Amino acid sequence: MKITIESGQLLAALAATVAHTTSGKEDEYMRTVDVQIIDDHLMLTASNGGTTGVARAALMDTTGELSRFALDRDDIATIRGLFAGTIKDLEVTVNVMTTTPMSPDDKPEVINQVQIRELGALFGGREIRLSTPDQSRRDVEGVWHAIAAGLRKRAPALPRTSLEPKDFALFRAAASAYKEPLSVEPADGFGSLIVQCGRDFIGFCNADARDNPALTSARDSWRNTLPLKMRMADTGS
């Protein structure tokens, strides 16, 4: 597979989604951003179990069989650093290689060889080559479904919800990448949120709508403490 894509769109999509990966070395699967082609867009998806980020970048050209692959968060940091600046277009080539098993009991390993290079530069421009195990995320269809179902529902009343600040803060990466404000709407009747940023990013944030007696007591205290603004009766004077 070979694609041509505008550099700024790809880097923005990588920045917005990589925020929703995990950093633990022991969990390689959750460290990755899933990359695949949907219609005429490159679709990037990451989820850490609490939040999900999905971004798309328009394709300029595609050739060959469409491949799906995953990029580790460390590789994404390298890509973003290498191609930052005024680069216009990038060419991404993905070749799939299957290794020969060492023994009859072993399964062949599928390796994705990814090459990203700058187009239109003198002397070839910047380039990076990566070899990544085929670890396409099996949760992608599930997290897509959660967002798609929320978008199709009539907007429910949002219950009083406890939201982890560190989770919602991950969506700042999308706001920074796309230079757009975040738009928030209920995803279900249980407090979860759909978070949108411009045209090319949408996310999902799990939240906790269970009743918290201490918060309920504090809420009632505030309700009884803060005065309502009373409208003065018209005395006709």
C-alpha atoms as a PDB file:
ATOM      1  CA  MET A   1       0.000   0.000   0.000  1.00  0.00           C
ATOM      2  CA  LYS A   2       1.233   3.472  -0.849  1.00  0.00           C
ATOM      3  CA  ILE A   3      -0.572   6.693   0.005  1.00  0.00           C
ATOM      4  CA  THR A   4       0.092  10.398  -0.326  1.00  0.00           C
ATOM      5  CA  ILE A   5      -1.185  12.626   2.445  1.00  0.00           C
ATOM      6  CA  GLU A   6      -0.856  16.241   3.533  1.00  0.00           C
ATOM      7  CA  SER A   7       1.711  16.413   6.315  1.00  0.00           C
ATOM      8  CA  GLY A   8      -0.211  18.762   8.595  1.00  0.00           C
ATOM      9  CA  GLN A   9      -3.330  16.585   8.542  1.00  0.00           C
ATOM     10  CA  LEU A  10      -1.393  13.417   9.367  1.00  0.00           C
ATOM     11  CA  LEU A  11       0.591  15.033  12.181  1.00  0.00           C
ATOM     12  CA  ALA A  12      -2.554  16.570  13.678  1.00  0.00           C
ATOM     13  CA  ALA A  13      -4.334  13.196  13.596  1.00  0.00           C
ATOM     14  CA  LEU A  14      -1.342  11.492  15.232  1.00  0.00           C
ATOM     15  CA  ALA A  15      -1.102  14.148  17.954  1.00  0.00           C
ATOM     16  CA  ALA A  16      -4.824  14.027  18.717  1.00  0.00           C
ATOM     17  CA  THR A  17      -5.032  10.235  18.978  1.00  0.00           C
ATOM     18  CA  VAL A  18      -1.722   9.316  20.601  1.00  0.00           C
ATOM     19  CA  ALA A  19      -2.909  11.173  23.716  1.00  0.00           C
ATOM     20  CA  HIS A  20      -5.344   8.282  24.252  1.00  0.00           C
ATOM     21  CA  THR A  21      -2.696   5.550  24.332  1.00  0.00           C
ATOM     22  CA  THR A  22      -1.098   4.229  27.505  1.00  0.00           C
ATOM     23  CA  SER A  23       2.586   4.629  28.327  1.00  0.00           C
ATOM     24  CA  GLY A  24       3.185   1.360  30.181  1.00  0.00           C
ATOM     25  CA  LYS A  25       5.780  -0.859  28.534  1.00  0.00           C
ATOM     26  CA  GLU A  26       3.971  -3.969  29.739  1.00  0.00           C
ATOM     27  CA  ASP A  27       0.858  -3.213  27.700  1.00  0.00           C
ATOM     28  CA  GLU A  28       2.074  -2.958  24.095  1.00  0.00           C
ATOM     29  CA  TYR A  29      -1.437  -3.307  22.701  1.00  0.00           C
ATOM     30  CA  MET A  30      -2.778  -0.204  24.453  1.00  0.00           C
ATOM     31  CA  ARG A  31       0.304   1.778  23.448  1.00  0.00           C
ATOM     32  CA  THR A  32      -0.673   1.764  19.790  1.00  0.00           C
ATOM     33  CA  VAL A  33      -2.739   3.862  17.395  1.00  0.00           C
ATOM     34  CA  ASP A  34      -4.693   1.793  14.860  1.00  0.00           C
ATOM     35  CA  VAL A  35      -4.320   3.087  11.290  1.00  0.00           C
ATOM     36  CA  GLN A  36      -6.565   2.057   8.395  1.00  0.00           C
ATOM     37  CA  ILE A  37      -8.272   3.459   5.334  1.00  0.00           C
ATOM     38  CA  ILE A  38     -11.990   4.216   5.389  1.00  0.00           C
ATOM     39  CA  ASP A  39     -13.309   5.545   2.069  1.00  0.00           C
ATOM     40  CA  ASP A  40     -10.978   8.405   1.082  1.00  0.00           C
ATOM     41  CA  HIS A  41      -9.563   9.046   4.556  1.00  0.00           C
ATOM     42  CA  LEU A  42      -6.838   7.606   6.716  1.00  0.00           C
ATOM     43  CA  MET A  43      -8.570   6.770  10.007  1.00  0.00           C
ATOM     44  CA  LEU A  44      -6.589   6.720  13.251  1.00  0.00           C
ATOM     45  CA  THR A  45      -8.007   5.269  16.478  1.00  0.00           C
ATOM     46  CA  ALA A  46      -6.659   4.882  20.009  1.00  0.00           C
ATOM     47  CA  SER A  47      -8.306   3.958  23.293  1.00  0.00           C
ATOM     48  CA  ASN A  48      -6.973   3.506  26.808  1.00  0.00           C
ATOM     49  CA  GLY A  49     -10.141   1.983  28.263  1.00  0.00           C
ATOM     50  CA  GLY A  50     -11.369   5.272  29.699  1.00  0.00           C
ATOM     51  CA  THR A  51     -11.149   7.600  26.719  1.00  0.00           C
ATOM     52  CA  THR A  52     -11.105   7.115  22.959  1.00  0.00           C
ATOM     53  CA  GLY A  53      -9.793   9.339  20.194  1.00  0.00           C
ATOM     54  CA  VAL A  54     -10.641   8.929  16.514  1.00  0.00           C
ATOM     55  CA  ALA A  55      -9.149  11.245  13.874  1.00  0.00           C
ATOM     56  CA  ARG A  56      -9.178  11.263  10.092  1.00  0.00           C
ATOM     57  CA  ALA A  57      -6.897  12.736   7.451  1.00  0.00           C
ATOM     58  CA  ALA A  58      -7.901  13.123   3.800  1.00  0.00           C
ATOM     59  CA  LEU A  59      -5.933  11.046   1.299  1.00  0.00           C
ATOM     60  CA  MET A  60      -4.507  12.666  -1.813  1.00  0.00           C
ATOM     61  CA  ASP A  61      -3.617   9.419  -3.601  1.00  0.00           C
ATOM     62  CA  THR A  62      -3.626   5.658  -2.937  1.00  0.00           C
ATOM     63  CA  THR A  63      -2.154   2.682  -4.781  1.00  0.00           C
ATOM     64  CA  GLY A  64      -1.977  -1.008  -4.029  1.00  0.00           C
ATOM     65  CA  GLU A  65      -3.792  -3.173  -1.535  1.00  0.00           C
ATOM     66  CA  LEU A  66      -5.142  -1.306   1.451  1.00  0.00           C
ATOM     67  CA  SER A  67      -3.329  -2.377   4.624  1.00  0.00           C
ATOM     68  CA  ARG A  68      -4.161  -1.889   8.263  1.00  0.00           C
ATOM     69  CA  PHE A  69      -1.388  -1.426  10.775  1.00  0.00           C
ATOM     70  CA  ALA A  70      -0.592  -0.029  14.217  1.00  0.00           C
ATOM     71  CA  LEU A  71       1.954   2.552  15.326  1.00  0.00           C
ATOM     72  CA  ASP A  72       3.525   2.555  18.778  1.00  0.00           C
ATOM     73  CA  ARG A  73       3.413   5.824  20.722  1.00  0.00           C
ATOM     74  CA  ASP A  74       7.227   6.055  20.750  1.00  0.00           C
ATOM     75  CA  ASP A  75       7.362   5.702  16.960  1.00  0.00           C
ATOM     76  CA  ILE A  76       4.677   8.394  16.675  1.00  0.00           C
ATOM     77  CA  ALA A  77       6.801  10.743  18.787  1.00  0.00           C
ATOM     78  CA  THR A  78       9.694  10.140  16.389  1.00  0.00           C
ATOM     79  CA  ILE A  79       7.506  10.746  13.329  1.00  0.00           C
ATOM     80  CA  ARG A  80       6.104  13.990  14.740  1.00  0.00           C
ATOM     81  CA  GLY A  81       9.558  15.250  15.617  1.00  0.00           C
ATOM     82  CA  LEU A  82      11.107  14.351  12.274  1.00  0.00           C
ATOM     83  CA  PHE A  83       8.421  15.862  10.057  1.00  0.00           C
ATOM     84  CA  ALA A  84       7.526  18.924  12.115  1.00  0.00           C
ATOM     85  CA  GLY A  85       7.816  22.212  10.277  1.00  0.00           C
ATOM     86  CA  THR A  86       6.914  23.328   6.786  1.00  0.00           C
ATOM     87  CA  ILE A  87       6.765  19.954   5.045  1.00  0.00           C
ATOM     88  CA  LYS A  88       3.814  19.867   2.650  1.00  0.00           C
ATOM     89  CA  ASP A  89       3.153  16.267   1.583  1.00  0.00           C
ATOM     90  CA  LEU A  90       4.207  12.834   2.824  1.00  0.00           C
ATOM     91  CA  GLU A  91       4.281   9.458   1.121  1.00  0.00           C
ATOM     92  CA  VAL A  92       3.494   6.471   3.331  1.00  0.00           C
ATOM     93  CA  THR A  93       4.330   2.974   2.098  1.00  0.00           C
ATOM     94  CA  VAL A  94       3.354  -0.181   3.993  1.00  0.00           C
ATOM     95  CA  ASN A  95       4.690  -3.601   3.039  1.00  0.00           C
ATOM     96  CA  VAL A  96       3.568  -6.742   4.856  1.00  0.00           C
ATOM     97  CA  MET A  97       6.137  -9.463   5.503  1.00  0.00           C
ATOM     98  CA  THR A  98       5.466 -12.905   6.989  1.00  0.00           C
ATOM     99  CA  THR A  99       8.357 -14.583   8.790  1.00  0.00           C
ATOM    100  CA  THR A 100       9.091 -18.291   8.605  1.00  0.00           C
ATOM    101  CA  PRO A 101       8.324 -20.116  11.879  1.00  0.00           C
ATOM    102  CA  MET A 102      11.316 -21.448  13.790  1.00  0.00           C
ATOM    103  CA  SER A 103       9.457 -24.697  14.544  1.00  0.00           C
ATOM    104  CA  PRO A 104       6.261 -26.418  13.317  1.00  0.00           C
ATOM    105  CA  ASP A 105       4.489 -25.401  16.549  1.00  0.00           C
ATOM    106  CA  ASP A 106       5.155 -21.703  16.028  1.00  0.00           C
ATOM    107  CA  LYS A 107       2.884 -19.420  14.085  1.00  0.00           C
ATOM    108  CA  PRO A 108       4.341 -17.209  11.369  1.00  0.00           C
ATOM    109  CA  GLU A 109       4.777 -13.620  12.513  1.00  0.00           C
ATOM    110  CA  VAL A 110       3.399 -10.807  10.380  1.00  0.00           C
ATOM    111  CA  ILE A 111       5.565  -7.685  10.253  1.00  0.00           C
ATOM    112  CA  ASN A 112       4.466  -4.349   8.808  1.00  0.00           C
ATOM    113  CA  GLN A 113       7.320  -2.416   7.245  1.00  0.00           C
ATOM    114  CA  VAL A 114       6.363   1.264   7.185  1.00  0.00           C
ATOM    115  CA  GLN A 115       8.230   3.933   5.259  1.00  0.00           C
ATOM    116  CA  ILE A 116       7.305   7.613   5.536  1.00  0.00           C
ATOM    117  CA  ARG A 117       9.148  10.118   3.369  1.00  0.00           C
ATOM    118  CA  GLU A 118       8.925  13.765   2.508  1.00  0.00           C
ATOM    119  CA  LEU A 119       7.848  14.651  -1.030  1.00  0.00           C
ATOM    120  CA  GLY A 120       9.001  17.584  -3.130  1.00  0.00           C
ATOM    121  CA  ALA A 121      12.278  18.169  -1.293  1.00  0.00           C
ATOM    122  CA  LEU A 122      15.758  18.418  -2.775  1.00  0.00           C
ATOM    123  CA  PHE A 123      18.072  15.450  -2.257  1.00  0.00           C
ATOM    124  CA  GLY A 124      15.230  13.131  -1.221  1.00  0.00           C
ATOM    125  CA  GLY A 125      14.071  14.932   1.909  1.00  0.00           C
ATOM    126  CA  ARG A 126      13.485  13.434   5.338  1.00  0.00           C
ATOM    127  CA  GLU A 127      12.539   9.792   5.695  1.00  0.00           C
ATOM    128  CA  ILE A 128      11.841   7.195   8.381  1.00  0.00           C
ATOM    129  CA  ARG A 129      11.536   3.395   8.188  1.00  0.00           C
ATOM    130  CA  LEU A 130       9.780   1.345  10.863  1.00  0.00           C
ATOM    131  CA  SER A 131       9.176  -2.357  11.349  1.00  0.00           C
ATOM    132  CA  THR A 132       6.183  -3.058  13.564  1.00  0.00           C
ATOM    133  CA  PRO A 133       4.535  -6.371  14.510  1.00  0.00           C
ATOM    134  CA  ASP A 134       1.027  -6.776  13.139  1.00  0.00           C
ATOM    135  CA  GLN A 135      -1.024  -5.932  16.243  1.00  0.00           C
ATOM    136  CA  SER A 136      -4.125  -4.382  14.757  1.00  0.00           C
ATOM    137  CA  ARG A 137      -6.324  -3.376  17.665  1.00  0.00           C
ATOM    138  CA  ARG A 138      -9.279  -5.705  18.072  1.00  0.00           C
ATOM    139  CA  ASP A 139     -11.211  -3.132  20.100  1.00  0.00           C
ATOM    140  CA  VAL A 140     -11.532  -0.587  17.304  1.00  0.00           C
ATOM    141  CA  GLU A 141     -14.921  -1.700  16.012  1.00  0.00           C
ATOM    142  CA  GLY A 142     -16.249  -1.703  19.579  1.00  0.00           C
ATOM    143  CA  VAL A 143     -15.153   1.841  20.391  1.00  0.00           C
ATOM    144  CA  TRP A 144     -16.415   3.052  17.023  1.00  0.00           C
ATOM    145  CA  HIS A 145     -19.782   1.466  17.849  1.00  0.00           C
ATOM    146  CA  ALA A 146     -20.001   3.308  21.186  1.00  0.00           C
ATOM    147  CA  ILE A 147     -19.504   6.646  19.443  1.00  0.00           C
ATOM    148  CA  ALA A 148     -21.769   5.806  16.517  1.00  0.00           C
ATOM    149  CA  ALA A 149     -24.558   4.670  18.854  1.00  0.00           C
ATOM    150  CA  GLY A 150     -24.286   7.878  20.881  1.00  0.00           C
ATOM    151  CA  LEU A 151     -24.465  10.017  17.753  1.00  0.00           C
ATOM    152  CA  ARG A 152     -27.634   8.256  16.619  1.00  0.00           C
ATOM    153  CA  LYS A 153     -29.524   8.599  19.879  1.00  0.00           C
ATOM    154  CA  ARG A 154     -31.812  11.439  20.763  1.00  0.00           C
ATOM    155  CA  ALA A 155     -29.772  13.507  23.180  1.00  0.00           C
ATOM    156  CA  PRO A 156     -30.625  12.261  26.680  1.00  0.00           C
ATOM    157  CA  ALA A 157     -30.599  14.369  29.804  1.00  0.00           C
ATOM    158  CA  LEU A 158     -27.095  14.197  31.217  1.00  0.00           C
ATOM    159  CA  PRO A 159     -27.098  12.943  34.792  1.00  0.00           C
ATOM    160  CA  ARG A 160     -24.869  14.509  37.399  1.00  0.00           C
ATOM    161  CA  THR A 161     -21.561  12.939  36.513  1.00  0.00           C
ATOM    162  CA  SER A 162     -18.166  12.461  38.112  1.00  0.00           C
ATOM    163  CA  LEU A 163     -15.459  13.010  35.514  1.00  0.00           C
ATOM    164  CA  GLU A 164     -11.751  12.378  36.038  1.00  0.00           C
ATOM    165  CA  PRO A 165      -9.888  15.587  35.144  1.00  0.00           C
ATOM    166  CA  LYS A 166      -6.893  13.612  33.858  1.00  0.00           C
ATOM    167  CA  ASP A 167      -9.156  11.745  31.427  1.00  0.00           C
ATOM    168  CA  PHE A 168     -10.842  14.806  29.993  1.00  0.00           C
ATOM    169  CA  ALA A 169      -7.495  16.605  29.804  1.00  0.00           C
ATOM    170  CA  LEU A 170      -6.395  14.120  27.133  1.00  0.00           C
ATOM    171  CA  PHE A 171      -8.731  15.826  24.676  1.00  0.00           C
ATOM    172  CA  ARG A 172      -6.666  19.014  24.921  1.00  0.00           C
ATOM    173  CA  ALA A 173      -4.299  17.328  22.465  1.00  0.00           C
ATOM    174  CA  ALA A 174      -7.023  17.441  19.800  1.00  0.00           C
ATOM    175  CA  ALA A 175      -7.852  21.071  20.558  1.00  0.00           C
ATOM    176  CA  SER A 176      -4.177  21.966  20.225  1.00  0.00           C
ATOM    177  CA  ALA A 177      -3.637  19.915  17.069  1.00  0.00           C
ATOM    178  CA  TYR A 178      -6.666  21.269  15.217  1.00  0.00           C
ATOM    179  CA  LYS A 179      -6.789  24.751  16.768  1.00  0.00           C
ATOM    180  CA  GLU A 180     -10.509  24.245  17.443  1.00  0.00           C
ATOM    181  CA  PRO A 181     -12.636  24.308  20.625  1.00  0.00           C
ATOM    182  CA  LEU A 182     -13.992  21.093  22.100  1.00  0.00           C
ATOM    183  CA  SER A 183     -17.706  20.351  21.713  1.00  0.00           C
ATOM    184  CA  VAL A 184     -19.233  18.036  24.316  1.00  0.00           C
ATOM    185  CA  GLU A 185     -22.545  16.155  24.262  1.00  0.00           C
ATOM    186  CA  PRO A 186     -24.060  13.199  26.160  1.00  0.00           C
ATOM    187  CA  ALA A 187     -23.289   9.770  24.714  1.00  0.00           C
ATOM    188  CA  ASP A 188     -25.829   7.863  26.820  1.00  0.00           C
ATOM    189  CA  GLY A 189     -27.916   8.144  29.949  1.00  0.00           C
ATOM    190  CA  PHE A 190     -25.064   7.069  32.201  1.00  0.00           C
ATOM    191  CA  GLY A 191     -22.837  10.138  32.007  1.00  0.00           C
ATOM    192  CA  SER A 192     -20.455   9.223  29.174  1.00  0.00           C
ATOM    193  CA  LEU A 193     -19.560  12.010  26.771  1.00  0.00           C
ATOM    194  CA  ILE A 194     -18.882  12.409  23.062  1.00  0.00           C
ATOM    195  CA  VAL A 195     -16.146  14.971  22.493  1.00  0.00           C
ATOM    196  CA  GLN A 196     -15.777  16.558  19.067  1.00  0.00           C
ATOM    197  CA  CYS A 197     -13.049  18.876  17.786  1.00  0.00           C
ATOM    198  CA  GLY A 198     -13.624  20.449  14.388  1.00  0.00           C
ATOM    199  CA  ARG A 199     -14.411  18.210  11.415  1.00  0.00           C
ATOM    200  CA  ASP A 200     -11.713  15.587  11.778  1.00  0.00           C
ATOM    201  CA  PHE A 201     -11.704  14.419  15.408  1.00  0.00           C
ATOM    202  CA  ILE A 202     -14.267  12.729  17.583  1.00  0.00           C
ATOM    203  CA  GLY A 203     -13.814  10.979  20.888  1.00  0.00           C
ATOM    204  CA  PHE A 204     -15.539   9.146  23.720  1.00  0.00           C
ATOM    205  CA  CYS A 205     -15.036   9.716  27.432  1.00  0.00           C
ATOM    206  CA  ASN A 206     -16.347   7.260  30.008  1.00  0.00           C
ATOM    207  CA  ALA A 207     -17.802   8.885  33.099  1.00  0.00           C
ATOM    208  CA  ASP A 208     -19.293   7.764  36.396  1.00  0.00           C
ATOM    209  CA  ALA A 209     -22.935   8.682  36.959  1.00  0.00           C
ATOM    210  CA  ARG A 210     -23.341   6.767  40.223  1.00  0.00           C
ATOM    211  CA  ASP A 211     -24.744   8.733  43.115  1.00  0.00           C
ATOM    212  CA  ASN A 212     -22.189  10.020  45.588  1.00  0.00           C
ATOM    213  CA  PRO A 213     -23.849  10.780  48.967  1.00  0.00           C
ATOM    214  CA  ALA A 214     -21.116  13.223  50.004  1.00  0.00           C
ATOM    215  CA  LEU A 215     -21.445  15.197  46.771  1.00  0.00           C
ATOM    216  CA  THR A 216     -25.220  15.142  47.040  1.00  0.00           C
ATOM    217  CA  SER A 217     -25.013  16.567  50.561  1.00  0.00           C
ATOM    218  CA  ALA A 218     -22.592  19.269  49.431  1.00  0.00           C
ATOM    219  CA  ARG A 219     -24.820  20.110  46.463  1.00  0.00           C
ATOM    220  CA  ASP A 220     -27.820  20.528  48.758  1.00  0.00           C
ATOM    221  CA  SER A 221     -25.748  22.756  51.012  1.00  0.00           C
ATOM    222  CA  TRP A 222     -24.839  25.019  48.098  1.00  0.00           C
ATOM    223  CA  ARG A 223     -28.438  25.104  46.959  1.00  0.00           C
ATOM    224  CA  ASN A 224     -29.542  26.286  50.377  1.00  0.00           C
ATOM    225  CA  THR A 225     -26.674  28.783  50.766  1.00  0.00           C
ATOM    226  CA  LEU A 226     -26.661  30.648  47.457  1.00  0.00           C
ATOM    227  CA  PRO A 227     -29.615  33.050  47.101  1.00  0.00           C
ATOM    228  CA  LEU A 228     -31.834  33.267  44.046  1.00  0.00           C
ATOM    229  CA  LYS A 229     -32.102  36.597  42.349  1.00  0.00           C
ATOM    230  CA  MET A 230     -35.633  37.715  43.199  1.00  0.00           C
ATOM    231  CA  ARG A 231     -37.563  39.837  40.719  1.00  0.00           C
ATOM    232  CA  MET A 232     -38.838  42.999  42.318  1.00  0.00           C
ATOM    233  CA  ALA A 233     -42.590  43.257  42.252  1.00  0.00           C
ATOM    234  CA  ASP A 234     -43.957  46.120  40.217  1.00  0.00           C
ATOM    235  CA  THR A 235     -45.474  48.479  42.747  1.00  0.00           C
ATOM    236  CA  GLY A 236     -46.530  50.961  40.120  1.00  0.00           C
ATOM    237  CA  SER A 237     -44.509  53.679  41.791  1.00  0.00           C
END
